[in-house]
C-alpha cells in the first residue's frame, strides 16, 4: 500500500512533514516529539495544510484487502 498526496506542491516543507505523519496515523503529540515542535504548532500546520486543499489517495497494489476473490484480471 502506498499513500499519495495530491496538491503537495501547495504545502510548505513543515506542512508536508505534518500531513505525511498524520496520514500515517500518528498523533499530534507523536509528531511534535518527532519534529521538535509544540503540539499547538503541529495542529496549526495541519489545519493550514488542510485549508490549502490537498488530497490523499491510497494506492493498493495487488489484492491487499483480500476482497477480489474469484475475479479475473483483464
PDB file of N, CA and C in Angstrom:
ATOM      1  N   UNK A   1       0.844  -1.174   0.000  1.00  0.00           N
ATOM      2  CA  UNK A   1       0.000   0.000   0.000  1.00  0.00           C
ATOM      3  C   UNK A   1       0.890   1.238   0.000  1.00  0.00           C
ATOM      4  N   UNK A   2       0.504   2.220  -0.766  1.00  0.00           N
ATOM      5  CA  UNK A   2       1.219   3.483  -0.828  1.00  0.00           C
ATOM      6  C   UNK A   2       0.235   4.609  -0.598  1.00  0.00           C
ATOM      7  N   UNK A   3       0.725   5.697  -0.030  1.00  0.00           N
ATOM      8  CA  UNK A   3      -0.095   6.892   0.156  1.00  0.00           C
ATOM      9  C   UNK A   3       0.439   7.958  -0.788  1.00  0.00           C
ATOM     10  N   UNK A   4      -0.446   8.534  -1.571  1.00  0.00           N
ATOM     11  CA  UNK A   4      -0.073   9.615  -2.484  1.00  0.00           C
ATOM     12  C   UNK A   4      -0.780  10.883  -2.026  1.00  0.00           C
ATOM     13  N   UNK A   5      -0.026  11.956  -1.913  1.00  0.00           N
ATOM     14  CA  UNK A   5      -0.612  13.236  -1.525  1.00  0.00           C
ATOM     15  C   UNK A   5      -0.645  14.124  -2.760  1.00  0.00           C
ATOM     16  N   UNK A   6      -1.845  14.406  -3.238  1.00  0.00           N
ATOM     17  CA  UNK A   6      -2.004  15.270  -4.405  1.00  0.00           C
ATOM     18  C   UNK A   6      -2.155  16.714  -3.942  1.00  0.00           C
ATOM     19  N   UNK A   7      -1.493  17.618  -4.635  1.00  0.00           N
ATOM     20  CA  UNK A   7      -1.526  19.019  -4.259  1.00  0.00           C
ATOM     21  C   UNK A   7      -0.448  19.368  -3.258  1.00  0.00           C
ATOM     22  N   UNK A   8       0.504  18.460  -3.076  1.00  0.00           N
ATOM     23  CA  UNK A   8       1.568  18.664  -2.096  1.00  0.00           C
ATOM     24  C   UNK A   8       2.428  19.884  -2.419  1.00  0.00           C
ATOM     25  N   UNK A   9       2.453  20.270  -3.679  1.00  0.00           N
ATOM     26  CA  UNK A   9       3.258  21.432  -4.073  1.00  0.00           C
ATOM     27  C   UNK A   9       2.728  22.728  -3.450  1.00  0.00           C
ATOM     28  N   UNK A  10       1.498  22.709  -2.987  1.00  0.00           N
ATOM     29  CA  UNK A  10       0.907  23.884  -2.339  1.00  0.00           C
ATOM     30  C   UNK A  10       1.363  24.030  -0.891  1.00  0.00           C
ATOM     31  N   UNK A  11       1.948  22.973  -0.332  1.00  0.00           N
ATOM     32  CA  UNK A  11       2.277  22.938   1.083  1.00  0.00           C
ATOM     33  C   UNK A  11       3.733  23.306   1.346  1.00  0.00           C
ATOM     34  N   UNK A  12       3.972  23.920   2.505  1.00  0.00           N
ATOM     35  CA  UNK A  12       5.344  24.198   2.921  1.00  0.00           C
ATOM     36  C   UNK A  12       6.010  22.876   3.324  1.00  0.00           C
ATOM     37  N   UNK A  13       7.317  22.923   3.506  1.00  0.00           N
ATOM     38  CA  UNK A  13       8.059  21.729   3.906  1.00  0.00           C
ATOM     39  C   UNK A  13       7.515  21.167   5.223  1.00  0.00           C
ATOM     40  N   UNK A  14       7.319  22.026   6.228  1.00  0.00           N
ATOM     41  CA  UNK A  14       6.807  21.579   7.531  1.00  0.00           C
ATOM     42  C   UNK A  14       5.388  21.035   7.410  1.00  0.00           C
ATOM     43  N   UNK A  15       4.558  21.671   6.595  1.00  0.00           N
ATOM     44  CA  UNK A  15       3.197  21.169   6.382  1.00  0.00           C
ATOM     45  C   UNK A  15       3.234  19.788   5.755  1.00  0.00           C
ATOM     46  N   UNK A  16       4.137  19.583   4.813  1.00  0.00           N
ATOM     47  CA  UNK A  16       4.277  18.258   4.185  1.00  0.00           C
ATOM     48  C   UNK A  16       4.661  17.209   5.218  1.00  0.00           C
ATOM     49  N   UNK A  17       5.598  17.569   6.099  1.00  0.00           N
ATOM     50  CA  UNK A  17       6.017  16.627   7.142  1.00  0.00           C
ATOM     51  C   UNK A  17       4.833  16.257   8.031  1.00  0.00           C
ATOM     52  N   UNK A  18       4.107  17.266   8.492  1.00  0.00           N
ATOM     53  CA  UNK A  18       2.990  17.035   9.397  1.00  0.00           C
ATOM     54  C   UNK A  18       1.888  16.227   8.720  1.00  0.00           C
ATOM     55  N   UNK A  19       1.525  16.595   7.507  1.00  0.00           N
ATOM     56  CA  UNK A  19       0.469  15.871   6.783  1.00  0.00           C
ATOM     57  C   UNK A  19       0.863  14.413   6.586  1.00  0.00           C
ATOM     58  N   UNK A  20       2.081  14.165   6.177  1.00  0.00           N
ATOM     59  CA  UNK A  20       2.523  12.794   5.951  1.00  0.00           C
ATOM     60  C   UNK A  20       2.440  11.973   7.224  1.00  0.00           C
ATOM     61  N   UNK A  21       2.920  12.522   8.317  1.00  0.00           N
ATOM     62  CA  UNK A  21       2.878  11.794   9.586  1.00  0.00           C
ATOM     63  C   UNK A  21       1.445  11.600  10.079  1.00  0.00           C
ATOM     64  N   UNK A  22       0.588  12.619   9.902  1.00  0.00           N
ATOM     65  CA  UNK A  22      -0.825  12.467  10.290  1.00  0.00           C
ATOM     66  C   UNK A  22      -1.495  11.373   9.477  1.00  0.00           C
ATOM     67  N   UNK A  23      -1.225  11.341   8.179  1.00  0.00           N
ATOM     68  CA  UNK A  23      -1.840  10.334   7.311  1.00  0.00           C
ATOM     69  C   UNK A  23      -1.303   8.932   7.594  1.00  0.00           C
ATOM     70  N   UNK A  24      -0.167   8.860   8.266  1.00  0.00           N
ATOM     71  CA  UNK A  24       0.384   7.570   8.690  1.00  0.00           C
ATOM     72  C   UNK A  24      -0.208   7.139  10.038  1.00  0.00           C
ATOM     73  N   UNK A  25      -1.100   7.989  10.589  1.00  0.00           N
ATOM     74  CA  UNK A  25      -1.797   7.627  11.809  1.00  0.00           C
ATOM     75  C   UNK A  25      -1.167   8.123  13.093  1.00  0.00           C
ATOM     76  N   UNK A  26      -0.182   8.982  12.994  1.00  0.00           N
ATOM     77  CA  UNK A  26       0.477   9.492  14.200  1.00  0.00           C
ATOM     78  C   UNK A  26      -0.358  10.601  14.835  1.00  0.00           C
ATOM     79  N   UNK A  27      -0.276  10.687  16.152  1.00  0.00           N
ATOM     80  CA  UNK A  27      -0.998  11.729  16.886  1.00  0.00           C
ATOM     81  C   UNK A  27      -0.203  13.032  16.853  1.00  0.00           C
ATOM     82  N   UNK A  28      -0.872  14.125  17.203  1.00  0.00           N
ATOM     83  CA  UNK A  28      -0.185  15.416  17.269  1.00  0.00           C
ATOM     84  C   UNK A  28       0.977  15.368  18.251  1.00  0.00           C
ATOM     85  N   UNK A  29       0.786  14.671  19.352  1.00  0.00           N
ATOM     86  CA  UNK A  29       1.840  14.560  20.356  1.00  0.00           C
ATOM     87  C   UNK A  29       3.060  13.813  19.800  1.00  0.00           C
ATOM     88  N   UNK A  30       2.821  12.723  19.082  1.00  0.00           N
ATOM     89  CA  UNK A  30       3.918  11.953  18.485  1.00  0.00           C
ATOM     90  C   UNK A  30       4.662  12.782  17.446  1.00  0.00           C
ATOM     91  N   UNK A  31       3.913  13.504  16.627  1.00  0.00           N
ATOM     92  CA  UNK A  31       4.516  14.329  15.582  1.00  0.00           C
ATOM     93  C   UNK A  31       5.348  15.448  16.208  1.00  0.00           C
ATOM     94  N   UNK A  32       4.793  16.092  17.234  1.00  0.00           N
ATOM     95  CA  UNK A  32       5.502  17.178  17.908  1.00  0.00           C
ATOM     96  C   UNK A  32       6.841  16.687  18.450  1.00  0.00           C
ATOM     97  N   UNK A  33       6.824  15.546  19.079  1.00  0.00           N
ATOM     98  CA  UNK A  33       8.057  14.983  19.641  1.00  0.00           C
ATOM     99  C   UNK A  33       9.059  14.656  18.533  1.00  0.00           C
ATOM    100  N   UNK A  34       8.583  14.031  17.454  1.00  0.00           N
ATOM    101  CA  UNK A  34       9.466  13.630  16.357  1.00  0.00           C
ATOM    102  C   UNK A  34      10.086  14.832  15.651  1.00  0.00           C
ATOM    103  N   UNK A  35       9.308  15.888  15.455  1.00  0.00           N
ATOM    104  CA  UNK A  35       9.785  17.044  14.700  1.00  0.00           C
ATOM    105  C   UNK A  35      10.350  18.162  15.586  1.00  0.00           C
ATOM    106  N   UNK A  36      10.259  17.988  16.895  1.00  0.00           N
ATOM    107  CA  UNK A  36      10.764  19.015  17.798  1.00  0.00           C
ATOM    108  C   UNK A  36       9.925  20.280  17.805  1.00  0.00           C
ATOM    109  N   UNK A  37       8.613  20.106  17.685  1.00  0.00           N
ATOM    110  CA  UNK A  37       7.663  21.228  17.669  1.00  0.00           C
ATOM    111  C   UNK A  37       6.729  21.118  18.856  1.00  0.00           C
ATOM    112  N   UNK A  38       5.993  22.179  19.123  1.00  0.00           N
ATOM    113  CA  UNK A  38       4.943  22.101  20.137  1.00  0.00           C
ATOM    114  C   UNK A  38       3.713  21.439  19.509  1.00  0.00           C
ATOM    115  N   UNK A  39       2.862  20.899  20.360  1.00  0.00           N
ATOM    116  CA  UNK A  39       1.627  20.274  19.883  1.00  0.00           C
ATOM    117  C   UNK A  39       0.748  21.306  19.174  1.00  0.00           C
ATOM    118  N   UNK A  40       0.726  22.526  19.696  1.00  0.00           N
ATOM    119  CA  UNK A  40      -0.099  23.562  19.057  1.00  0.00           C
ATOM    120  C   UNK A  40       0.447  23.929  17.681  1.00  0.00           C
ATOM    121  N   UNK A  41       1.768  23.892  17.498  1.00  0.00           N
ATOM    122  CA  UNK A  41       2.350  24.161  16.173  1.00  0.00           C
ATOM    123  C   UNK A  41       1.962  23.074  15.179  1.00  0.00           C
ATOM    124  N   UNK A  42       1.970  21.842  15.631  1.00  0.00           N
ATOM    125  CA  UNK A  42       1.564  20.728  14.768  1.00  0.00           C
ATOM    126  C   UNK A  42       0.113  20.910  14.341  1.00  0.00           C
ATOM    127  N   UNK A  43      -0.744  21.253  15.289  1.00  0.00           N
ATOM    128  CA  UNK A  43      -2.153  21.466  14.984  1.00  0.00           C
ATOM    129  C   UNK A  43      -2.334  22.603  13.984  1.00  0.00           C
ATOM    130  N   UNK A  44      -1.627  23.703  14.200  1.00  0.00           N
ATOM    131  CA  UNK A  44      -1.709  24.850  13.290  1.00  0.00           C
ATOM    132  C   UNK A  44      -1.239  24.472  11.893  1.00  0.00           C
ATOM    133  N   UNK A  45      -0.123  23.781  11.799  1.00  0.00           N
ATOM    134  CA  UNK A  45       0.413  23.371  10.493  1.00  0.00           C
ATOM    135  C   UNK A  45      -0.566  22.452   9.767  1.00  0.00           C
ATOM    136  N   UNK A  46      -1.159  21.522  10.503  1.00  0.00           N
ATOM    137  CA  UNK A  46      -2.100  20.586   9.891  1.00  0.00           C
ATOM    138  C   UNK A  46      -3.345  21.315   9.376  1.00  0.00           C
ATOM    139  N   UNK A  47      -3.899  22.212  10.176  1.00  0.00           N
ATOM    140  CA  UNK A  47      -5.093  22.945   9.747  1.00  0.00           C
ATOM    141  C   UNK A  47      -4.783  23.887   8.585  1.00  0.00           C
ATOM    142  N   UNK A  48      -3.615  24.486   8.594  1.00  0.00           N
ATOM    143  CA  UNK A  48      -3.208  25.351   7.486  1.00  0.00           C
ATOM    144  C   UNK A  48      -3.082  24.523   6.197  1.00  0.00           C
ATOM    145  N   UNK A  49      -2.485  23.347   6.308  1.00  0.00           N
ATOM    146  CA  UNK A  49      -2.330  22.470   5.141  1.00  0.00           C
ATOM    147  C   UNK A  49      -3.696  22.043   4.603  1.00  0.00           C
ATOM    148  N   UNK A  50      -4.611  21.695   5.500  1.00  0.00           N
ATOM    149  CA  UNK A  50      -5.946  21.272   5.062  1.00  0.00           C
ATOM    150  C   UNK A  50      -6.664  22.404   4.334  1.00  0.00           C
ATOM    151  N   UNK A  51      -6.440  23.630   4.759  1.00  0.00           N
ATOM    152  CA  UNK A  51      -7.111  24.766   4.112  1.00  0.00           C
ATOM    153  C   UNK A  51      -6.564  25.020   2.707  1.00  0.00           C
ATOM    154  N   UNK A  52      -5.376  24.483   2.420  1.00  0.00           N
ATOM    155  CA  UNK A  52      -4.780  24.650   1.093  1.00  0.00           C
ATOM    156  C   UNK A  52      -5.283  23.608   0.095  1.00  0.00           C
ATOM    157  N   UNK A  53      -6.046  22.631   0.570  1.00  0.00           N
ATOM    158  CA  UNK A  53      -6.736  21.711  -0.325  1.00  0.00           C
ATOM    159  C   UNK A  53      -5.905  20.614  -0.949  1.00  0.00           C
ATOM    160  N   UNK A  54      -5.201  19.846  -0.145  1.00  0.00           N
ATOM    161  CA  UNK A  54      -4.516  18.669  -0.688  1.00  0.00           C
ATOM    162  C   UNK A  54      -5.466  17.474  -0.642  1.00  0.00           C
ATOM    163  N   UNK A  55      -5.136  16.420  -1.364  1.00  0.00           N
ATOM    164  CA  UNK A  55      -5.927  15.194  -1.347  1.00  0.00           C
ATOM    165  C   UNK A  55      -4.996  14.025  -1.058  1.00  0.00           C
ATOM    166  N   UNK A  56      -5.484  13.067  -0.291  1.00  0.00           N
ATOM    167  CA  UNK A  56      -4.721  11.863  -0.007  1.00  0.00           C
ATOM    168  C   UNK A  56      -5.367  10.711  -0.753  1.00  0.00           C
ATOM    169  N   UNK A  57      -4.545   9.976  -1.494  1.00  0.00           N
ATOM    170  CA  UNK A  57      -5.011   8.826  -2.253  1.00  0.00           C
ATOM    171  C   UNK A  57      -4.223   7.608  -1.781  1.00  0.00           C
ATOM    172  N   UNK A  58      -4.924   6.544  -1.479  1.00  0.00           N
ATOM    173  CA  UNK A  58      -4.260   5.307  -1.095  1.00  0.00           C
ATOM    174  C   UNK A  58      -4.194   4.421  -2.327  1.00  0.00           C
ATOM    175  N   UNK A  59      -2.993   3.974  -2.664  1.00  0.00           N
ATOM    176  CA  UNK A  59      -2.785   3.109  -3.813  1.00  0.00           C
ATOM    177  C   UNK A  59      -2.523   1.702  -3.290  1.00  0.00           C
ATOM    178  N   UNK A  60      -3.427   0.801  -3.605  1.00  0.00           N
ATOM    179  CA  UNK A  60      -3.286  -0.585  -3.176  1.00  0.00           C
ATOM    180  C   UNK A  60      -2.753  -1.409  -4.341  1.00  0.00           C
ATOM    181  N   UNK A  61      -1.694  -2.131  -4.104  1.00  0.00           N
ATOM    182  CA  UNK A  61      -1.158  -2.998  -5.143  1.00  0.00           C
ATOM    183  C   UNK A  61      -1.645  -4.418  -4.914  1.00  0.00           C
ATOM    184  N   UNK A  62      -1.995  -5.090  -5.984  1.00  0.00           N
ATOM    185  CA  UNK A  62      -2.491  -6.452  -5.852  1.00  0.00           C
ATOM    186  C   UNK A  62      -3.816  -6.475  -5.113  1.00  0.00           C
ATOM    187  N   UNK A  63      -4.019  -7.508  -4.338  1.00  0.00           N
ATOM    188  CA  UNK A  63      -5.250  -7.657  -3.566  1.00  0.00           C
ATOM    189  C   UNK A  63      -4.939  -7.491  -2.090  1.00  0.00           C
ATOM    190  N   UNK A  64      -4.461  -6.323  -1.713  1.00  0.00           N
ATOM    191  CA  UNK A  64      -4.033  -6.061  -0.340  1.00  0.00           C
ATOM    192  C   UNK A  64      -5.159  -6.228   0.676  1.00  0.00           C
ATOM    193  N   UNK A  65      -6.401  -6.032   0.250  1.00  0.00           N
ATOM    194  CA  UNK A  65      -7.532  -6.143   1.162  1.00  0.00           C
ATOM    195  C   UNK A  65      -8.207  -7.507   1.099  1.00  0.00           C
ATOM    196  N   UNK A  66      -7.715  -8.368   0.218  1.00  0.00           N
ATOM    197  CA  UNK A  66      -8.263  -9.710   0.062  1.00  0.00           C
ATOM    198  C   UNK A  66      -9.771  -9.665  -0.194  1.00  0.00           C
ATOM    199  N   UNK A  67     -10.177  -8.814  -1.135  1.00  0.00           N
ATOM    200  CA  UNK A  67     -11.607  -8.681  -1.427  1.00  0.00           C
ATOM    201  C   UNK A  67     -11.943  -9.001  -2.892  1.00  0.00           C
ATOM    202  N   UNK A  68     -10.955  -9.403  -3.654  1.00  0.00           N
ATOM    203  CA  UNK A  68     -11.197  -9.624  -5.075  1.00  0.00           C
ATOM    204  C   UNK A  68     -11.117 -11.100  -5.458  1.00  0.00           C
ATOM    205  N   UNK A  69     -11.554 -11.982  -4.568  1.00  0.00           N
ATOM    206  CA  UNK A  69     -11.516 -13.418  -4.850  1.00  0.00           C
ATOM    207  C   UNK A  69     -12.391 -13.736  -6.056  1.00  0.00           C
ATOM    208  N   UNK A  70     -11.927 -14.609  -6.872  1.00  0.00           N
ATOM    209  CA  UNK A  70     -12.735 -15.098  -7.969  1.00  0.00           C
ATOM    210  C   UNK A  70     -12.832 -14.173  -9.158  1.00  0.00           C
ATOM    211  N   UNK A  71     -12.315 -12.971  -9.057  1.00  0.00           N
ATOM    212  CA  UNK A  71     -12.333 -12.049 -10.186  1.00  0.00           C
ATOM    213  C   UNK A  71     -11.049 -12.216 -10.982  1.00  0.00           C
ATOM    214  N   UNK A  72     -11.181 -12.206 -12.270  1.00  0.00           N
ATOM    215  CA  UNK A  72     -10.015 -12.359 -13.128  1.00  0.00           C
ATOM    216  C   UNK A  72      -9.536 -11.001 -13.556  1.00  0.00           C
ATOM    217  N   UNK A  73      -8.208 -10.875 -13.685  1.00  0.00           N
ATOM    218  CA  UNK A  73      -7.628  -9.650 -14.224  1.00  0.00           C
ATOM    219  C   UNK A  73      -7.833  -9.621 -15.715  1.00  0.00           C
ATOM    220  N   UNK A  74      -8.216  -8.465 -16.253  1.00  0.00           N
ATOM    221  CA  UNK A  74      -8.394  -8.343 -17.705  1.00  0.00           C
ATOM    222  C   UNK A  74      -7.180  -7.726 -18.333  1.00  0.00           C
TER     223      UNK A  74
END
